[in-house]
N, C-alpha and C. Protein backbone atom coordinates (compact mmCIF):
# COMPACT_ATOMS: atom_id res chain seq x y z
N UNK A 1 0.82 -1.19 0.00
CA UNK A 1 0.00 0.00 0.00
C UNK A 1 0.87 1.26 0.00
N UNK A 2 1.93 1.28 0.84
CA UNK A 2 2.78 2.46 0.92
C UNK A 2 3.52 2.71 -0.39
N UNK A 3 3.95 1.64 -1.04
CA UNK A 3 4.64 1.81 -2.32
C UNK A 3 3.71 2.43 -3.36
N UNK A 4 2.48 1.99 -3.39
CA UNK A 4 1.50 2.56 -4.31
C UNK A 4 1.23 4.02 -4.03
N UNK A 5 1.12 4.37 -2.75
CA UNK A 5 0.93 5.77 -2.37
C UNK A 5 2.15 6.61 -2.73
N UNK A 6 3.34 6.02 -2.57
CA UNK A 6 4.57 6.73 -2.95
C UNK A 6 4.59 6.98 -4.45
N UNK A 7 4.19 5.98 -5.24
CA UNK A 7 4.13 6.15 -6.69
C UNK A 7 3.11 7.24 -7.07
N UNK A 8 1.97 7.22 -6.42
CA UNK A 8 0.96 8.24 -6.68
C UNK A 8 1.50 9.63 -6.32
N UNK A 9 2.20 9.73 -5.21
CA UNK A 9 2.80 11.00 -4.80
C UNK A 9 3.81 11.47 -5.84
N UNK A 10 4.61 10.54 -6.39
CA UNK A 10 5.58 10.90 -7.41
C UNK A 10 4.88 11.44 -8.66
N UNK A 11 3.77 10.83 -9.03
CA UNK A 11 3.02 11.31 -10.21
C UNK A 11 2.45 12.70 -9.94
N UNK A 12 1.88 12.90 -8.76
CA UNK A 12 1.33 14.22 -8.40
C UNK A 12 2.45 15.25 -8.37
N UNK A 13 3.60 14.87 -7.85
CA UNK A 13 4.75 15.77 -7.79
C UNK A 13 5.19 16.17 -9.20
N UNK A 14 5.25 15.18 -10.09
CA UNK A 14 5.60 15.48 -11.47
C UNK A 14 4.60 16.42 -12.12
N UNK A 15 3.33 16.20 -11.85
CA UNK A 15 2.28 17.08 -12.39
C UNK A 15 2.42 18.49 -11.83
N UNK A 16 2.76 18.60 -10.54
CA UNK A 16 2.98 19.90 -9.91
C UNK A 16 4.12 20.63 -10.62
N UNK A 17 5.23 19.93 -10.85
CA UNK A 17 6.39 20.55 -11.51
C UNK A 17 6.02 20.98 -12.93
N UNK A 18 5.30 20.14 -13.64
CA UNK A 18 4.88 20.48 -14.99
C UNK A 18 3.95 21.69 -14.97
N UNK A 19 3.07 21.75 -14.00
CA UNK A 19 2.16 22.89 -13.87
C UNK A 19 2.94 24.17 -13.59
N UNK A 20 3.95 24.09 -12.73
CA UNK A 20 4.80 25.25 -12.45
C UNK A 20 5.49 25.70 -13.74
N UNK A 21 6.02 24.73 -14.49
CA UNK A 21 6.81 25.05 -15.68
C UNK A 21 5.98 25.65 -16.81
N UNK A 22 4.82 25.08 -17.11
CA UNK A 22 4.09 25.50 -18.31
C UNK A 22 2.61 25.80 -18.06
N UNK A 23 2.24 25.92 -16.81
CA UNK A 23 0.84 26.19 -16.50
C UNK A 23 0.33 27.49 -17.07
N UNK A 24 1.23 28.46 -17.27
CA UNK A 24 0.82 29.74 -17.85
C UNK A 24 0.27 29.59 -19.25
N UNK A 25 0.71 28.58 -19.96
CA UNK A 25 0.21 28.34 -21.31
C UNK A 25 -1.25 27.85 -21.26
N UNK A 26 -1.59 27.14 -20.19
CA UNK A 26 -2.97 26.67 -20.03
C UNK A 26 -3.96 27.82 -19.87
N UNK A 27 -3.44 28.99 -19.50
CA UNK A 27 -4.31 30.15 -19.31
C UNK A 27 -4.97 30.58 -20.62
N UNK A 28 -4.35 30.23 -21.72
CA UNK A 28 -4.94 30.59 -23.01
C UNK A 28 -6.28 29.88 -23.21
N UNK A 29 -6.41 28.72 -22.63
CA UNK A 29 -7.66 27.95 -22.71
C UNK A 29 -8.56 28.20 -21.50
N UNK A 30 -7.93 28.28 -20.32
CA UNK A 30 -8.67 28.44 -19.06
C UNK A 30 -8.10 29.64 -18.30
N UNK A 31 -8.51 30.86 -18.63
CA UNK A 31 -7.94 32.07 -18.03
C UNK A 31 -8.07 32.13 -16.50
N UNK A 32 -9.14 31.58 -15.96
CA UNK A 32 -9.34 31.64 -14.50
C UNK A 32 -8.31 30.82 -13.74
N UNK A 33 -7.61 29.96 -14.44
CA UNK A 33 -6.57 29.13 -13.82
C UNK A 33 -5.41 29.99 -13.29
N UNK A 34 -5.35 31.23 -13.73
CA UNK A 34 -4.28 32.14 -13.28
C UNK A 34 -4.29 32.29 -11.76
N UNK A 35 -5.47 32.26 -11.16
CA UNK A 35 -5.57 32.43 -9.70
C UNK A 35 -4.91 31.26 -8.96
N UNK A 36 -4.86 30.12 -9.59
CA UNK A 36 -4.18 28.97 -8.99
C UNK A 36 -2.72 28.93 -9.44
N UNK A 37 -2.49 29.17 -10.72
CA UNK A 37 -1.14 29.01 -11.25
C UNK A 37 -0.15 30.04 -10.71
N UNK A 38 -0.53 31.29 -10.62
CA UNK A 38 0.40 32.33 -10.20
C UNK A 38 1.04 32.02 -8.83
N UNK A 39 0.26 31.71 -7.80
CA UNK A 39 0.92 31.39 -6.52
C UNK A 39 1.71 30.08 -6.56
N UNK A 40 1.23 29.11 -7.33
CA UNK A 40 1.95 27.84 -7.42
C UNK A 40 3.29 28.04 -8.11
N UNK A 41 3.32 28.81 -9.19
CA UNK A 41 4.57 29.09 -9.90
C UNK A 41 5.52 29.89 -9.00
N UNK A 42 4.99 30.86 -8.29
CA UNK A 42 5.83 31.64 -7.37
C UNK A 42 6.42 30.74 -6.28
N UNK A 43 5.62 29.83 -5.77
CA UNK A 43 6.10 28.88 -4.76
C UNK A 43 7.20 27.98 -5.34
N UNK A 44 6.98 27.49 -6.56
CA UNK A 44 7.99 26.65 -7.21
C UNK A 44 9.31 27.39 -7.42
N UNK A 45 9.23 28.63 -7.86
CA UNK A 45 10.44 29.44 -8.05
C UNK A 45 11.12 29.69 -6.71
N UNK A 46 10.34 29.97 -5.69
CA UNK A 46 10.90 30.23 -4.35
C UNK A 46 11.64 29.00 -3.82
N UNK A 47 11.06 27.82 -4.01
CA UNK A 47 11.71 26.58 -3.59
C UNK A 47 13.08 26.46 -4.25
N UNK A 48 13.14 26.77 -5.54
CA UNK A 48 14.41 26.64 -6.26
C UNK A 48 15.40 27.71 -5.84
N UNK A 49 14.94 28.94 -5.69
CA UNK A 49 15.85 30.04 -5.32
C UNK A 49 16.51 29.80 -3.97
N UNK A 50 15.75 29.31 -3.02
CA UNK A 50 16.27 29.12 -1.67
C UNK A 50 16.73 27.69 -1.39
N UNK A 51 16.67 26.86 -2.45
CA UNK A 51 17.10 25.46 -2.34
C UNK A 51 16.38 24.73 -1.20
N UNK A 52 15.08 24.98 -1.11
CA UNK A 52 14.26 24.33 -0.10
C UNK A 52 13.86 22.94 -0.57
N UNK A 53 13.53 22.10 0.37
CA UNK A 53 13.01 20.77 0.07
C UNK A 53 11.50 20.87 -0.12
N UNK A 54 11.00 20.35 -1.21
CA UNK A 54 9.55 20.35 -1.45
C UNK A 54 8.89 19.35 -0.51
N UNK A 55 7.80 19.72 0.12
CA UNK A 55 7.11 18.79 1.02
C UNK A 55 6.66 17.50 0.33
N UNK A 56 6.37 17.55 -0.97
CA UNK A 56 5.97 16.34 -1.67
C UNK A 56 7.11 15.33 -1.73
N UNK A 57 8.35 15.81 -1.79
CA UNK A 57 9.50 14.91 -1.75
C UNK A 57 9.56 14.19 -0.41
N UNK A 58 9.34 14.95 0.66
CA UNK A 58 9.34 14.33 2.00
C UNK A 58 8.25 13.28 2.13
N UNK A 59 7.07 13.58 1.59
CA UNK A 59 5.96 12.62 1.65
C UNK A 59 6.34 11.35 0.89
N UNK A 60 6.85 11.52 -0.34
CA UNK A 60 7.19 10.35 -1.14
C UNK A 60 8.28 9.51 -0.50
N UNK A 61 9.36 10.14 -0.05
CA UNK A 61 10.45 9.36 0.54
C UNK A 61 10.00 8.69 1.83
N UNK A 62 9.16 9.36 2.61
CA UNK A 62 8.63 8.74 3.83
C UNK A 62 7.79 7.52 3.52
N UNK A 63 6.95 7.62 2.49
CA UNK A 63 6.13 6.48 2.09
C UNK A 63 6.99 5.34 1.56
N UNK A 64 8.01 5.66 0.81
CA UNK A 64 8.90 4.61 0.28
C UNK A 64 9.62 3.89 1.42
N UNK A 65 10.05 4.64 2.41
CA UNK A 65 10.72 4.01 3.56
C UNK A 65 9.74 3.12 4.34
N UNK A 66 8.52 3.58 4.49
CA UNK A 66 7.51 2.76 5.19
C UNK A 66 7.18 1.50 4.40
N UNK A 67 7.38 1.55 3.08
CA UNK A 67 7.14 0.38 2.23
C UNK A 67 8.34 -0.56 2.25
N UNK A 68 9.40 -0.18 2.98
CA UNK A 68 10.58 -1.02 3.07
C UNK A 68 11.61 -0.77 1.99
N UNK A 69 11.41 0.26 1.20
CA UNK A 69 12.37 0.59 0.14
C UNK A 69 13.54 1.37 0.73
N UNK A 70 14.70 1.19 0.13
CA UNK A 70 15.87 1.98 0.52
C UNK A 70 15.87 3.23 -0.35
N UNK A 71 15.81 4.37 0.30
CA UNK A 71 15.76 5.65 -0.41
C UNK A 71 17.09 6.34 -0.18
N UNK A 72 17.86 6.47 -1.25
CA UNK A 72 19.18 7.10 -1.15
C UNK A 72 19.21 8.46 -1.84
N UNK A 73 18.07 9.00 -2.13
CA UNK A 73 18.00 10.31 -2.77
C UNK A 73 17.12 11.23 -1.95
N UNK A 74 17.33 12.52 -2.13
CA UNK A 74 16.57 13.48 -1.34
C UNK A 74 15.92 14.57 -2.17
N UNK A 75 16.10 14.53 -3.49
CA UNK A 75 15.52 15.58 -4.32
C UNK A 75 14.84 14.95 -5.54
N UNK A 76 13.57 15.20 -5.68
CA UNK A 76 12.76 14.63 -6.76
C UNK A 76 13.35 14.96 -8.13
N UNK A 77 13.62 16.23 -8.36
CA UNK A 77 14.11 16.65 -9.68
C UNK A 77 15.45 15.99 -9.99
N UNK A 78 16.33 15.93 -9.01
CA UNK A 78 17.62 15.26 -9.24
C UNK A 78 17.40 13.79 -9.58
N UNK A 79 16.59 13.11 -8.80
CA UNK A 79 16.40 11.67 -8.95
C UNK A 79 15.69 11.28 -10.25
N UNK A 80 14.59 11.96 -10.55
CA UNK A 80 13.76 11.56 -11.68
C UNK A 80 14.09 12.28 -12.99
N UNK A 81 14.70 13.45 -12.93
CA UNK A 81 14.91 14.23 -14.14
C UNK A 81 16.39 14.42 -14.46
N UNK A 82 17.15 14.97 -13.51
CA UNK A 82 18.54 15.31 -13.81
C UNK A 82 19.47 14.11 -13.88
N UNK A 83 19.39 13.21 -12.91
CA UNK A 83 20.28 12.04 -12.92
C UNK A 83 20.14 11.20 -14.19
N UNK A 84 18.92 10.93 -14.68
CA UNK A 84 18.83 10.20 -15.94
C UNK A 84 19.46 10.94 -17.13
N UNK A 85 19.59 12.27 -17.01
CA UNK A 85 20.22 13.05 -18.07
C UNK A 85 21.74 13.15 -17.88
N UNK A 86 22.26 12.51 -16.82
CA UNK A 86 23.69 12.55 -16.56
C UNK A 86 24.13 13.74 -15.74
N UNK A 87 23.21 14.42 -15.11
CA UNK A 87 23.52 15.57 -14.26
C UNK A 87 23.29 15.17 -12.81
N UNK A 88 24.00 15.83 -11.89
CA UNK A 88 23.79 15.47 -10.48
C UNK A 88 22.99 16.52 -9.72
N UNK A 89 22.65 17.62 -10.36
CA UNK A 89 21.86 18.65 -9.71
C UNK A 89 22.70 19.73 -9.07
N UNK A 90 23.99 19.51 -8.96
CA UNK A 90 24.86 20.51 -8.35
C UNK A 90 25.45 21.48 -9.35
N UNK A 91 25.13 21.31 -10.62
CA UNK A 91 25.67 22.20 -11.63
C UNK A 91 25.14 23.62 -11.43
N UNK A 92 25.99 24.60 -11.63
CA UNK A 92 25.64 25.99 -11.35
C UNK A 92 24.49 26.49 -12.21
N UNK A 93 24.31 25.93 -13.39
CA UNK A 93 23.35 26.48 -14.34
C UNK A 93 21.94 25.92 -14.17
N UNK A 94 21.75 24.89 -13.37
CA UNK A 94 20.44 24.24 -13.27
C UNK A 94 19.36 25.21 -12.81
N UNK A 95 19.55 25.88 -11.70
CA UNK A 95 18.52 26.77 -11.15
C UNK A 95 18.25 27.95 -12.07
N UNK A 96 19.28 28.68 -12.55
CA UNK A 96 18.97 29.80 -13.45
C UNK A 96 18.26 29.37 -14.74
N UNK A 97 18.66 28.25 -15.30
CA UNK A 97 18.01 27.77 -16.52
C UNK A 97 16.56 27.39 -16.24
N UNK A 98 16.33 26.66 -15.14
CA UNK A 98 14.96 26.25 -14.80
C UNK A 98 14.07 27.47 -14.55
N UNK A 99 14.56 28.42 -13.79
CA UNK A 99 13.77 29.63 -13.50
C UNK A 99 13.54 30.42 -14.79
N UNK A 100 14.56 30.50 -15.63
CA UNK A 100 14.41 31.19 -16.91
C UNK A 100 13.35 30.54 -17.78
N UNK A 101 13.34 29.21 -17.82
CA UNK A 101 12.32 28.51 -18.60
C UNK A 101 10.93 28.73 -18.03
N UNK A 102 10.83 28.74 -16.72
CA UNK A 102 9.53 28.98 -16.07
C UNK A 102 9.03 30.38 -16.43
N UNK A 103 9.91 31.36 -16.30
CA UNK A 103 9.51 32.74 -16.59
C UNK A 103 9.21 32.94 -18.07
N UNK A 104 9.99 32.32 -18.92
CA UNK A 104 9.78 32.48 -20.36
C UNK A 104 8.47 31.84 -20.81
N UNK A 105 8.27 30.58 -20.47
CA UNK A 105 7.05 29.89 -20.89
C UNK A 105 5.80 30.47 -20.29
N UNK A 106 5.85 30.71 -19.00
CA UNK A 106 4.68 31.25 -18.33
C UNK A 106 4.47 32.72 -18.67
N UNK A 107 5.57 33.45 -18.81
CA UNK A 107 5.47 34.86 -19.19
C UNK A 107 4.76 35.01 -20.52
N UNK A 108 5.07 34.11 -21.46
CA UNK A 108 4.41 34.14 -22.76
C UNK A 108 2.91 33.91 -22.59
N UNK A 109 2.55 32.93 -21.78
CA UNK A 109 1.13 32.64 -21.56
C UNK A 109 0.39 33.80 -20.92
N UNK A 110 0.99 34.40 -19.89
CA UNK A 110 0.36 35.54 -19.23
C UNK A 110 0.30 36.74 -20.16
N UNK A 111 1.36 36.96 -20.95
CA UNK A 111 1.39 38.08 -21.89
C UNK A 111 0.26 37.93 -22.91
N UNK A 112 0.10 36.72 -23.44
CA UNK A 112 -0.96 36.47 -24.42
C UNK A 112 -2.34 36.68 -23.79
N UNK A 113 -2.48 36.27 -22.54
CA UNK A 113 -3.76 36.46 -21.84
C UNK A 113 -4.07 37.95 -21.69
N UNK A 114 -3.09 38.73 -21.30
CA UNK A 114 -3.29 40.18 -21.14
C UNK A 114 -3.60 40.82 -22.49
N UNK A 115 -2.87 40.43 -23.52
CA UNK A 115 -3.11 40.98 -24.86
C UNK A 115 -4.53 40.65 -25.34
N UNK A 116 -4.98 39.45 -25.06
CA UNK A 116 -6.32 39.04 -25.45
C UNK A 116 -7.37 39.91 -24.74
N UNK A 117 -7.14 40.20 -23.48
CA UNK A 117 -8.10 41.01 -22.71
C UNK A 117 -8.11 42.45 -23.20
N UNK A 118 -6.96 42.93 -23.72
CA UNK A 118 -6.89 44.31 -24.21
C UNK A 118 -7.65 44.47 -25.52
N UNK A 119 -7.76 43.44 -26.28
CA UNK A 119 -8.42 43.53 -27.60
C UNK A 119 -9.89 43.32 -27.53
């Protein structure tokens, strides 16, 4: 049961990260989503800027340990995204590039939403 909950948490965590990264583009279809996306994106950027641990990571690793799994990682993005790409997460460019992509993709979505409202 705990392993299944850990897997579900990992999927939700991935969806959260994806929403932070490109949720602004969804505003073109669902403009009211801005009220949810803006604080979520700001929270995601804040976590990266201050190198905080996301609570979803703690939930997942706790569930995996309760399921009897050996958890030797502490960061979701490092474990599921960066390590498979051959990166360890300590590279200097990871945070600025990630934040830049968040601002660029979401900025475009918000800009288009504002432009649409002006017309």
